[in-house]
Amino acid sequence: MKLSSKDFLGLENVSADEISYILETAKDMKKTVNSSMKKVNYLQGRSVVTLFYENSTRTRVSFELAAKYMGAQAVNVSVASSSVAKGETLIDTGKTLEAMGTDIVIIRHPQAGAPHLLAKNISASVINAGDGMHEHPTQALLDMMTIMEAFGTLSGLKVAIIGDIYHSRVARSNIIGLTKMGAQVNLFAPSTLLPPGIEKLGARVFSNINDAVADCDVVMGLRMQLERQKKCLFPSINEYARFFGINPENIKGAKKNALWMHPGPVNRGVEMTSTIIDGDNSVINKQVTNGVAVRMALLYLLTGRE
């Protein structure tokens, strides 16, 4: 089986079978991540460029390590000190990278649709590492992988996503991916942080956290994205933490073996208490490990190797 596109731009146009195929491949890649000798030659002779127009630690480093673990030449373009700062357009930047022999461009951009525009204009493969408030598909894949490791399936599970839904590309990708794989997604957030019509993606919206997490297998917190908010959408950080933050008391209704998840970075005491973040049911660090495995799988599959 091969992926249907040269690019990986979002989960909207990816089938459930393709998601399963990527996750199965990631299981094999995780063996390399966990080994003492993190080196295979699947991407020997390939070149991978990370082109990030926004700050990132986890995603950028994860992609770079994934490429290096598989033998590729990995280069990070610092946009602030690149020709972009001189006024170069996204398409021209992409064509320049392609002319240098780049096989895969991994892009994070503040504008929704930027990876799609780039993909249409270069023959190299493009991976969306987050575009505006649209999608973050590899984060959703690593989340799904982490859940499957615990439960063996996604079908029939109940997943609660709590927090800044409005600005979260992670939430959108997870809603799309999890519902395609047969899970039920519950949402809870301040009304000002819920996008109109989010139910059309297949999620259920709840007016209080207790109902949202009731009998859930997974409870996922989201980061308060203050850098994306142009106006005050809640009274204060302290008030948000009090009424919408995840703590042991307000998630008692979730299943006893429920997973606590967060895409990171976590604002401790705001989106989640330290008791939850560092608790036995927390799989936040496993998510980070699985991120490398998922991104290795994508790089491998997009180069056409089987």
C-alpha atoms as a PDB file:
ATOM      1  CA  MET A   1       0.000   0.000   0.000  1.00  0.00           C
ATOM      2  CA  LYS A   2       1.149   3.558  -0.754  1.00  0.00           C
ATOM      3  CA  LEU A   3      -0.206   6.891   0.409  1.00  0.00           C
ATOM      4  CA  SER A   4      -2.594   8.434  -2.127  1.00  0.00           C
ATOM      5  CA  SER A   5      -0.754  11.771  -2.298  1.00  0.00           C
ATOM      6  CA  LYS A   6       2.835  12.968  -2.517  1.00  0.00           C
ATOM      7  CA  ASP A   7       1.991  15.346   0.346  1.00  0.00           C
ATOM      8  CA  PHE A   8       0.557  15.058   3.840  1.00  0.00           C
ATOM      9  CA  LEU A   9      -1.452  18.219   4.388  1.00  0.00           C
ATOM     10  CA  GLY A  10      -4.259  17.222   6.749  1.00  0.00           C
ATOM     11  CA  LEU A  11      -6.553  14.406   7.812  1.00  0.00           C
ATOM     12  CA  GLU A  12      -9.611  15.723   5.965  1.00  0.00           C
ATOM     13  CA  ASN A  13      -8.662  13.882   2.770  1.00  0.00           C
ATOM     14  CA  VAL A  14      -6.934  10.896   4.358  1.00  0.00           C
ATOM     15  CA  SER A  15      -8.897   7.657   4.591  1.00  0.00           C
ATOM     16  CA  ALA A  16      -9.269   5.505   7.690  1.00  0.00           C
ATOM     17  CA  ASP A  17      -7.249   2.796   5.909  1.00  0.00           C
ATOM     18  CA  GLU A  18      -4.387   5.220   5.303  1.00  0.00           C
ATOM     19  CA  ILE A  19      -4.446   6.331   8.935  1.00  0.00           C
ATOM     20  CA  SER A  20      -4.252   2.687  10.037  1.00  0.00           C
ATOM     21  CA  TYR A  21      -1.388   2.074   7.608  1.00  0.00           C
ATOM     22  CA  ILE A  22       0.602   5.028   8.932  1.00  0.00           C
ATOM     23  CA  LEU A  23       0.026   3.963  12.543  1.00  0.00           C
ATOM     24  CA  GLU A  24       1.078   0.377  11.800  1.00  0.00           C
ATOM     25  CA  THR A  25       4.251   1.648  10.144  1.00  0.00           C
ATOM     26  CA  ALA A  26       4.891   3.898  13.150  1.00  0.00           C
ATOM     27  CA  LYS A  27       4.795   0.850  15.442  1.00  0.00           C
ATOM     28  CA  ASP A  28       7.769  -0.568  13.564  1.00  0.00           C
ATOM     29  CA  MET A  29       9.569   2.771  13.581  1.00  0.00           C
ATOM     30  CA  LYS A  30       9.194   3.029  17.351  1.00  0.00           C
ATOM     31  CA  LYS A  31      11.532   0.056  17.716  1.00  0.00           C
ATOM     32  CA  THR A  32      14.298   2.238  16.300  1.00  0.00           C
ATOM     33  CA  VAL A  33      13.370   5.163  18.569  1.00  0.00           C
ATOM     34  CA  ASN A  34      13.590   2.908  21.627  1.00  0.00           C
ATOM     35  CA  SER A  35      16.779   1.130  20.572  1.00  0.00           C
ATOM     36  CA  SER A  36      20.276   2.014  21.755  1.00  0.00           C
ATOM     37  CA  MET A  37      21.398   2.374  18.131  1.00  0.00           C
ATOM     38  CA  LYS A  38      19.023   4.910  16.589  1.00  0.00           C
ATOM     39  CA  LYS A  39      20.125   4.543  12.989  1.00  0.00           C
ATOM     40  CA  VAL A  40      18.549   2.944   9.927  1.00  0.00           C
ATOM     41  CA  ASN A  41      19.171   3.743   6.277  1.00  0.00           C
ATOM     42  CA  TYR A  42      15.622   3.998   4.933  1.00  0.00           C
ATOM     43  CA  LEU A  43      16.185   7.630   3.882  1.00  0.00           C
ATOM     44  CA  GLN A  44      19.844   7.371   2.941  1.00  0.00           C
ATOM     45  CA  GLY A  45      20.546   9.966   0.253  1.00  0.00           C
ATOM     46  CA  ARG A  46      17.333  11.898   0.901  1.00  0.00           C
ATOM     47  CA  SER A  47      17.149  15.513   2.038  1.00  0.00           C
ATOM     48  CA  VAL A  48      14.556  16.918   4.453  1.00  0.00           C
ATOM     49  CA  VAL A  49      14.066  20.603   5.263  1.00  0.00           C
ATOM     50  CA  THR A  50      12.059  21.977   8.197  1.00  0.00           C
ATOM     51  CA  LEU A  51      10.644  25.395   7.292  1.00  0.00           C
ATOM     52  CA  PHE A  52       9.027  26.875  10.402  1.00  0.00           C
ATOM     53  CA  TYR A  53       7.457  30.329  10.339  1.00  0.00           C
ATOM     54  CA  GLU A  54       6.340  29.876  13.959  1.00  0.00           C
ATOM     55  CA  ASN A  55       8.170  28.878  17.122  1.00  0.00           C
ATOM     56  CA  SER A  56       8.356  25.188  17.910  1.00  0.00           C
ATOM     57  CA  THR A  57      10.390  22.782  19.993  1.00  0.00           C
ATOM     58  CA  ARG A  58       8.604  19.438  20.028  1.00  0.00           C
ATOM     59  CA  THR A  59       7.414  19.276  16.439  1.00  0.00           C
ATOM     60  CA  ARG A  60      10.524  20.679  14.774  1.00  0.00           C
ATOM     61  CA  VAL A  61      13.009  18.632  16.787  1.00  0.00           C
ATOM     62  CA  SER A  62      10.817  15.556  16.404  1.00  0.00           C
ATOM     63  CA  PHE A  63      10.853  15.838  12.608  1.00  0.00           C
ATOM     64  CA  GLU A  64      14.596  16.533  12.517  1.00  0.00           C
ATOM     65  CA  LEU A  65      15.367  13.536  14.710  1.00  0.00           C
ATOM     66  CA  ALA A  66      13.025  11.349  12.656  1.00  0.00           C
ATOM     67  CA  ALA A  67      14.903  12.291   9.485  1.00  0.00           C
ATOM     68  CA  LYS A  68      18.331  11.794  11.046  1.00  0.00           C
ATOM     69  CA  TYR A  69      17.416   8.458  12.626  1.00  0.00           C
ATOM     70  CA  MET A  70      16.623   7.201   9.109  1.00  0.00           C
ATOM     71  CA  GLY A  71      19.808   8.486   7.513  1.00  0.00           C
ATOM     72  CA  ALA A  72      18.469  11.583   5.737  1.00  0.00           C
ATOM     73  CA  GLN A  73      20.206  14.930   5.519  1.00  0.00           C
ATOM     74  CA  ALA A  74      18.091  17.183   7.753  1.00  0.00           C
ATOM     75  CA  VAL A  75      18.321  20.975   7.557  1.00  0.00           C
ATOM     76  CA  ASN A  76      16.391  23.546   9.570  1.00  0.00           C
ATOM     77  CA  VAL A  77      15.633  26.901   7.926  1.00  0.00           C
ATOM     78  CA  SER A  78      15.468  29.709  10.476  1.00  0.00           C
ATOM     79  CA  VAL A  79      12.898  31.968   8.855  1.00  0.00           C
ATOM     80  CA  ALA A  80      13.881  35.012  10.927  1.00  0.00           C
ATOM     81  CA  SER A  81      17.390  34.954   9.445  1.00  0.00           C
ATOM     82  CA  SER A  82      16.484  33.662   5.971  1.00  0.00           C
ATOM     83  CA  SER A  83      15.563  35.429   2.738  1.00  0.00           C
ATOM     84  CA  VAL A  84      11.969  35.493   3.984  1.00  0.00           C
ATOM     85  CA  ALA A  85      13.044  38.401   6.178  1.00  0.00           C
ATOM     86  CA  LYS A  86      14.081  40.161   2.946  1.00  0.00           C
ATOM     87  CA  GLY A  87      10.621  39.748   1.446  1.00  0.00           C
ATOM     88  CA  GLU A  88      10.910  36.414  -0.362  1.00  0.00           C
ATOM     89  CA  THR A  89       7.517  34.761  -0.969  1.00  0.00           C
ATOM     90  CA  LEU A  90       6.597  31.312   0.276  1.00  0.00           C
ATOM     91  CA  ILE A  91       6.472  29.916  -3.259  1.00  0.00           C
ATOM     92  CA  ASP A  92       9.873  31.363  -4.136  1.00  0.00           C
ATOM     93  CA  THR A  93      11.329  29.935  -0.933  1.00  0.00           C
ATOM     94  CA  GLY A  94       9.876  26.532  -1.815  1.00  0.00           C
ATOM     95  CA  LYS A  95      11.234  26.643  -5.358  1.00  0.00           C
ATOM     96  CA  THR A  96      14.667  27.615  -4.039  1.00  0.00           C
ATOM     97  CA  LEU A  97      14.694  24.659  -1.652  1.00  0.00           C
ATOM     98  CA  GLU A  98      13.509  22.353  -4.423  1.00  0.00           C
ATOM     99  CA  ALA A  99      16.279  23.591  -6.739  1.00  0.00           C
ATOM    100  CA  MET A 100      18.767  22.519  -4.075  1.00  0.00           C
ATOM    101  CA  GLY A 101      17.499  18.937  -4.314  1.00  0.00           C
ATOM    102  CA  THR A 102      15.178  18.867  -1.312  1.00  0.00           C
ATOM    103  CA  ASP A 103      12.934  15.784  -1.239  1.00  0.00           C
ATOM    104  CA  ILE A 104      10.594  16.736   1.616  1.00  0.00           C
ATOM    105  CA  VAL A 105       9.665  20.164   3.011  1.00  0.00           C
ATOM    106  CA  ILE A 106       8.051  20.230   6.444  1.00  0.00           C
ATOM    107  CA  ILE A 107       6.294  23.538   6.990  1.00  0.00           C
ATOM    108  CA  ARG A 108       4.645  25.288   9.918  1.00  0.00           C
ATOM    109  CA  HIS A 109       2.949  28.555   9.036  1.00  0.00           C
ATOM    110  CA  PRO A 110       0.606  31.026  10.777  1.00  0.00           C
ATOM    111  CA  GLN A 111      -1.676  31.162   7.723  1.00  0.00           C
ATOM    112  CA  ALA A 112      -4.176  28.360   7.181  1.00  0.00           C
ATOM    113  CA  GLY A 113      -3.659  26.766   3.773  1.00  0.00           C
ATOM    114  CA  ALA A 114       0.006  27.735   3.391  1.00  0.00           C
ATOM    115  CA  PRO A 115       1.199  24.087   3.116  1.00  0.00           C
ATOM    116  CA  HIS A 116      -1.444  23.457   0.424  1.00  0.00           C
ATOM    117  CA  LEU A 117      -0.234  26.457  -1.572  1.00  0.00           C
ATOM    118  CA  LEU A 118       3.367  25.285  -1.314  1.00  0.00           C
ATOM    119  CA  ALA A 119       2.469  21.716  -2.300  1.00  0.00           C
ATOM    120  CA  LYS A 120       0.777  22.922  -5.498  1.00  0.00           C
ATOM    121  CA  ASN A 121       3.891  24.784  -6.584  1.00  0.00           C
ATOM    122  CA  ILE A 122       6.728  22.347  -5.947  1.00  0.00           C
ATOM    123  CA  SER A 123       7.250  18.696  -6.821  1.00  0.00           C
ATOM    124  CA  ALA A 124       8.903  17.861  -3.491  1.00  0.00           C
ATOM    125  CA  SER A 125       6.658  16.315  -0.846  1.00  0.00           C
ATOM    126  CA  VAL A 126       5.167  18.765   1.662  1.00  0.00           C
ATOM    127  CA  ILE A 127       4.187  17.871   5.218  1.00  0.00           C
ATOM    128  CA  ASN A 128       1.926  20.155   7.233  1.00  0.00           C
ATOM    129  CA  ALA A 129       3.420  20.705  10.690  1.00  0.00           C
ATOM    130  CA  GLY A 130       0.612  23.098  11.626  1.00  0.00           C
ATOM    131  CA  ASP A 131      -1.095  25.800   9.583  1.00  0.00           C
ATOM    132  CA  GLY A 132      -2.817  28.642  11.396  1.00  0.00           C
ATOM    133  CA  MET A 133      -5.954  27.462  13.156  1.00  0.00           C
ATOM    134  CA  HIS A 134      -6.591  24.794  10.527  1.00  0.00           C
ATOM    135  CA  GLU A 135      -4.843  21.451  11.135  1.00  0.00           C
ATOM    136  CA  HIS A 136      -1.914  19.769  12.856  1.00  0.00           C
ATOM    137  CA  PRO A 137      -2.256  16.273  11.390  1.00  0.00           C
ATOM    138  CA  THR A 138       0.913  14.647  12.721  1.00  0.00           C
ATOM    139  CA  GLN A 139      -0.041  15.615  16.273  1.00  0.00           C
ATOM    140  CA  ALA A 140      -3.388  13.873  15.840  1.00  0.00           C
ATOM    141  CA  LEU A 141      -1.617  10.780  14.475  1.00  0.00           C
ATOM    142  CA  LEU A 142       0.709  10.552  17.464  1.00  0.00           C
ATOM    143  CA  ASP A 143      -2.261  11.053  19.783  1.00  0.00           C
ATOM    144  CA  MET A 144      -4.109   8.213  18.060  1.00  0.00           C
ATOM    145  CA  MET A 145      -1.039   5.993  18.258  1.00  0.00           C
ATOM    146  CA  THR A 146      -0.744   6.653  21.997  1.00  0.00           C
ATOM    147  CA  ILE A 147      -4.404   5.814  22.554  1.00  0.00           C
ATOM    148  CA  MET A 148      -4.149   2.628  20.480  1.00  0.00           C
ATOM    149  CA  GLU A 149      -1.149   1.456  22.483  1.00  0.00           C
ATOM    150  CA  ALA A 150      -3.298   1.602  25.612  1.00  0.00           C
ATOM    151  CA  PHE A 151      -6.584   0.214  24.271  1.00  0.00           C
ATOM    152  CA  GLY A 152      -5.679  -1.677  21.101  1.00  0.00           C
ATOM    153  CA  THR A 153      -8.297   0.192  19.091  1.00  0.00           C
ATOM    154  CA  LEU A 154      -9.888   3.588  18.560  1.00  0.00           C
ATOM    155  CA  SER A 155     -13.310   2.333  17.582  1.00  0.00           C
ATOM    156  CA  GLY A 156     -15.922   2.755  20.299  1.00  0.00           C
ATOM    157  CA  LEU A 157     -13.748   4.869  22.594  1.00  0.00           C
ATOM    158  CA  LYS A 158     -14.886   8.160  24.126  1.00  0.00           C
ATOM    159  CA  VAL A 159     -12.402  11.020  24.020  1.00  0.00           C
ATOM    160  CA  ALA A 160     -12.968  14.354  25.781  1.00  0.00           C
ATOM    161  CA  ILE A 161     -11.060  17.400  24.511  1.00  0.00           C
ATOM    162  CA  ILE A 162     -11.023  20.299  26.952  1.00  0.00           C
ATOM    163  CA  GLY A 163      -9.748  23.841  26.443  1.00  0.00           C
ATOM    164  CA  ASP A 164      -9.120  26.395  23.724  1.00  0.00           C
ATOM    165  CA  ILE A 165     -10.961  24.624  20.899  1.00  0.00           C
ATOM    166  CA  TYR A 166     -11.372  27.791  18.836  1.00  0.00           C
ATOM    167  CA  HIS A 167      -7.679  28.366  18.185  1.00  0.00           C
ATOM    168  CA  SER A 168      -6.605  24.719  18.259  1.00  0.00           C
ATOM    169  CA  ARG A 169      -5.487  23.022  15.055  1.00  0.00           C
ATOM    170  CA  VAL A 170      -4.734  20.004  17.254  1.00  0.00           C
ATOM    171  CA  ALA A 171      -8.405  19.764  18.229  1.00  0.00           C
ATOM    172  CA  ARG A 172      -9.565  19.947  14.612  1.00  0.00           C
ATOM    173  CA  SER A 173      -7.204  17.238  13.419  1.00  0.00           C
ATOM    174  CA  ASN A 174      -8.090  15.003  16.355  1.00  0.00           C
ATOM    175  CA  ILE A 175     -11.825  15.427  15.808  1.00  0.00           C
ATOM    176  CA  ILE A 176     -11.433  14.547  12.131  1.00  0.00           C
ATOM    177  CA  GLY A 177      -9.082  11.620  12.719  1.00  0.00           C
ATOM    178  CA  LEU A 178     -10.719  10.089  15.771  1.00  0.00           C
ATOM    179  CA  THR A 179     -14.228  10.186  14.314  1.00  0.00           C
ATOM    180  CA  LYS A 180     -12.962   8.574  11.096  1.00  0.00           C
ATOM    181  CA  MET A 181     -11.543   5.779  13.220  1.00  0.00           C
ATOM    182  CA  GLY A 182     -14.817   5.228  15.085  1.00  0.00           C
ATOM    183  CA  ALA A 183     -14.274   7.148  18.318  1.00  0.00           C
ATOM    184  CA  GLN A 184     -16.715   9.578  19.930  1.00  0.00           C
ATOM    185  CA  VAL A 185     -15.266  13.040  20.621  1.00  0.00           C
ATOM    186  CA  ASN A 186     -16.708  15.260  23.376  1.00  0.00           C
ATOM    187  CA  LEU A 187     -15.792  18.950  23.614  1.00  0.00           C
ATOM    188  CA  PHE A 188     -15.879  21.386  26.512  1.00  0.00           C
ATOM    189  CA  ALA A 189     -14.621  24.983  26.536  1.00  0.00           C
ATOM    190  CA  PRO A 190     -15.696  28.500  27.430  1.00  0.00           C
ATOM    191  CA  SER A 191     -18.390  29.513  24.932  1.00  0.00           C
ATOM    192  CA  THR A 192     -16.040  32.198  23.583  1.00  0.00           C
ATOM    193  CA  LEU A 193     -13.481  29.499  22.739  1.00  0.00           C
ATOM    194  CA  LEU A 194     -15.841  27.213  20.826  1.00  0.00           C
ATOM    195  CA  PRO A 195     -15.966  27.795  17.057  1.00  0.00           C
ATOM    196  CA  PRO A 196     -19.497  27.974  15.609  1.00  0.00           C
ATOM    197  CA  GLY A 197     -20.538  24.779  13.853  1.00  0.00           C
ATOM    198  CA  ILE A 198     -17.778  22.596  15.292  1.00  0.00           C
ATOM    199  CA  GLU A 199     -20.393  19.858  15.692  1.00  0.00           C
ATOM    200  CA  LYS A 200     -20.411  19.475  11.896  1.00  0.00           C
ATOM    201  CA  LEU A 201     -17.049  17.711  12.194  1.00  0.00           C
ATOM    202  CA  GLY A 202     -18.784  14.998  14.219  1.00  0.00           C
ATOM    203  CA  ALA A 203     -17.994  16.113  17.777  1.00  0.00           C
ATOM    204  CA  ARG A 204     -20.419  16.599  20.652  1.00  0.00           C
ATOM    205  CA  VAL A 205     -20.352  19.855  22.610  1.00  0.00           C
ATOM    206  CA  PHE A 206     -21.081  19.897  26.356  1.00  0.00           C
ATOM    207  CA  SER A 207     -21.907  22.786  28.660  1.00  0.00           C
ATOM    208  CA  ASN A 208     -20.018  21.457  31.686  1.00  0.00           C
ATOM    209  CA  ILE A 209     -16.862  19.450  32.174  1.00  0.00           C
ATOM    210  CA  ASN A 210     -18.470  16.715  34.260  1.00  0.00           C
ATOM    211  CA  ASP A 211     -20.806  15.697  31.457  1.00  0.00           C
ATOM    212  CA  ALA A 212     -18.035  16.013  28.860  1.00  0.00           C
ATOM    213  CA  VAL A 213     -15.693  13.585  30.620  1.00  0.00           C
ATOM    214  CA  ALA A 214     -18.338  11.158  31.911  1.00  0.00           C
ATOM    215  CA  ASP A 215     -17.318   7.561  31.149  1.00  0.00           C
ATOM    216  CA  CYS A 216     -14.499   8.762  28.858  1.00  0.00           C
ATOM    217  CA  ASP A 217     -11.461   6.639  28.008  1.00  0.00           C
ATOM    218  CA  VAL A 218      -9.284   9.673  27.268  1.00  0.00           C
ATOM    219  CA  VAL A 219      -9.227  13.238  28.585  1.00  0.00           C
ATOM    220  CA  MET A 220      -7.111  15.626  26.522  1.00  0.00           C
ATOM    221  CA  GLY A 221      -6.255  19.143  27.601  1.00  0.00           C
ATOM    222  CA  LEU A 222      -5.307  21.902  25.162  1.00  0.00           C
ATOM    223  CA  ARG A 223      -2.878  24.770  25.580  1.00  0.00           C
ATOM    224  CA  MET A 224      -4.274  28.263  26.050  1.00  0.00           C
ATOM    225  CA  GLN A 225      -3.006  29.904  22.867  1.00  0.00           C
ATOM    226  CA  LEU A 226      -2.663  33.438  24.131  1.00  0.00           C
ATOM    227  CA  GLU A 227      -0.442  34.403  21.177  1.00  0.00           C
ATOM    228  CA  ARG A 228      -3.343  33.786  18.772  1.00  0.00           C
ATOM    229  CA  GLN A 229      -5.933  35.691  20.770  1.00  0.00           C
ATOM    230  CA  LYS A 230      -6.437  39.262  19.615  1.00  0.00           C
ATOM    231  CA  LYS A 231      -9.012  40.057  22.273  1.00  0.00           C
ATOM    232  CA  CYS A 232      -9.841  38.914  25.780  1.00  0.00           C
ATOM    233  CA  LEU A 233     -12.002  35.808  25.497  1.00  0.00           C
ATOM    234  CA  PHE A 234     -12.039  34.937  29.206  1.00  0.00           C
ATOM    235  CA  PRO A 235     -11.724  37.074  32.357  1.00  0.00           C
ATOM    236  CA  SER A 236      -8.334  35.877  33.622  1.00  0.00           C
ATOM    237  CA  ILE A 237      -5.922  32.944  33.667  1.00  0.00           C
ATOM    238  CA  ASN A 238      -6.846  32.210  37.278  1.00  0.00           C
ATOM    239  CA  GLU A 239     -10.544  32.170  36.475  1.00  0.00           C
ATOM    240  CA  TYR A 240      -9.965  29.922  33.462  1.00  0.00           C
ATOM    241  CA  ALA A 241      -8.005  27.477  35.619  1.00  0.00           C
ATOM    242  CA  ARG A 242     -10.753  27.484  38.239  1.00  0.00           C
ATOM    243  CA  PHE A 243     -13.687  26.801  35.928  1.00  0.00           C
ATOM    244  CA  PHE A 244     -12.167  25.064  32.903  1.00  0.00           C
ATOM    245  CA  GLY A 245      -8.852  23.590  34.026  1.00  0.00           C
ATOM    246  CA  ILE A 246      -8.537  19.819  34.379  1.00  0.00           C
ATOM    247  CA  ASN A 247      -8.059  18.639  37.955  1.00  0.00           C
ATOM    248  CA  PRO A 248      -8.651  15.382  39.875  1.00  0.00           C
ATOM    249  CA  GLU A 249     -12.009  16.590  41.194  1.00  0.00           C
ATOM    250  CA  ASN A 250     -13.731  17.543  37.951  1.00  0.00           C
ATOM    251  CA  ILE A 251     -12.727  14.427  36.011  1.00  0.00           C
ATOM    252  CA  LYS A 252     -13.827  11.864  38.565  1.00  0.00           C
ATOM    253  CA  GLY A 253     -16.510  10.739  36.131  1.00  0.00           C
ATOM    254  CA  ALA A 254     -13.984   9.493  33.578  1.00  0.00           C
ATOM    255  CA  LYS A 255     -13.079   5.820  33.562  1.00  0.00           C
ATOM    256  CA  LYS A 256     -10.547   4.737  36.174  1.00  0.00           C
ATOM    257  CA  ASN A 257      -8.041   3.707  33.505  1.00  0.00           C
ATOM    258  CA  ALA A 258      -8.604   6.841  31.422  1.00  0.00           C
ATOM    259  CA  LEU A 259      -5.548   8.438  29.811  1.00  0.00           C
ATOM    260  CA  TRP A 260      -4.579  12.049  30.541  1.00  0.00           C
ATOM    261  CA  MET A 261      -3.159  13.696  27.417  1.00  0.00           C
ATOM    262  CA  HIS A 262      -1.877  17.096  26.285  1.00  0.00           C
ATOM    263  CA  PRO A 263      -0.104  18.153  23.057  1.00  0.00           C
ATOM    264  CA  GLY A 264       2.300  20.389  25.005  1.00  0.00           C
ATOM    265  CA  PRO A 265       3.719  22.630  26.106  1.00  0.00           C
ATOM    266  CA  VAL A 266       1.549  22.527  29.222  1.00  0.00           C
ATOM    267  CA  ASN A 267       0.828  25.609  31.295  1.00  0.00           C
ATOM    268  CA  ARG A 268       0.908  23.930  34.689  1.00  0.00           C
ATOM    269  CA  GLY A 269      -1.938  24.894  36.945  1.00  0.00           C
ATOM    270  CA  VAL A 270      -3.879  26.457  34.067  1.00  0.00           C
ATOM    271  CA  GLU A 271      -4.990  23.752  31.633  1.00  0.00           C
ATOM    272  CA  MET A 272      -4.058  20.919  33.992  1.00  0.00           C
ATOM    273  CA  THR A 273      -2.868  20.575  37.547  1.00  0.00           C
ATOM    274  CA  SER A 274       0.521  18.983  38.228  1.00  0.00           C
ATOM    275  CA  THR A 275      -1.329  16.091  39.882  1.00  0.00           C
ATOM    276  CA  ILE A 276      -2.794  15.219  36.500  1.00  0.00           C
ATOM    277  CA  ILE A 277       0.310  16.004  34.412  1.00  0.00           C
ATOM    278  CA  ASP A 278       2.590  13.853  36.561  1.00  0.00           C
ATOM    279  CA  GLY A 279      -0.009  11.232  37.504  1.00  0.00           C
ATOM    280  CA  ASP A 280       0.093   7.520  36.728  1.00  0.00           C
ATOM    281  CA  ASN A 281      -2.510   7.885  33.977  1.00  0.00           C
ATOM    282  CA  SER A 282      -0.602  10.661  32.196  1.00  0.00           C
ATOM    283  CA  VAL A 283       0.854   9.673  28.818  1.00  0.00           C
ATOM    284  CA  ILE A 284       2.176  13.116  27.862  1.00  0.00           C
ATOM    285  CA  ASN A 285       5.783  11.922  27.568  1.00  0.00           C
ATOM    286  CA  LYS A 286       4.685   8.849  25.598  1.00  0.00           C
ATOM    287  CA  GLN A 287       3.019  11.230  23.151  1.00  0.00           C
ATOM    288  CA  VAL A 288       6.376  12.914  22.558  1.00  0.00           C
ATOM    289  CA  THR A 289       8.106   9.570  21.905  1.00  0.00           C
ATOM    290  CA  ASN A 290       5.344   8.475  19.566  1.00  0.00           C
ATOM    291  CA  GLY A 291       5.661  11.763  17.713  1.00  0.00           C
ATOM    292  CA  VAL A 292       9.105  10.761  16.506  1.00  0.00           C
ATOM    293  CA  ALA A 293       7.840   7.318  15.429  1.00  0.00           C
ATOM    294  CA  VAL A 294       4.853   8.752  13.542  1.00  0.00           C
ATOM    295  CA  ARG A 295       7.007  11.294  11.741  1.00  0.00           C
ATOM    296  CA  MET A 296       9.528   8.606  10.823  1.00  0.00           C
ATOM    297  CA  ALA A 297       6.659   6.594   9.345  1.00  0.00           C
ATOM    298  CA  LEU A 298       5.445   9.542   7.271  1.00  0.00           C
ATOM    299  CA  LEU A 299       8.889  10.378   5.933  1.00  0.00           C
ATOM    300  CA  TYR A 300       9.391   6.726   5.040  1.00  0.00           C
ATOM    301  CA  LEU A 301       6.039   6.369   3.290  1.00  0.00           C
ATOM    302  CA  LEU A 302       6.269   9.647   1.368  1.00  0.00           C
ATOM    303  CA  THR A 303       9.558   8.608  -0.171  1.00  0.00           C
ATOM    304  CA  GLY A 304       7.737   5.657  -1.733  1.00  0.00           C
ATOM    305  CA  ARG A 305       9.655   2.958   0.126  1.00  0.00           C
ATOM    306  CA  GLU A 306       7.813  -0.170   1.182  1.00  0.00           C
END
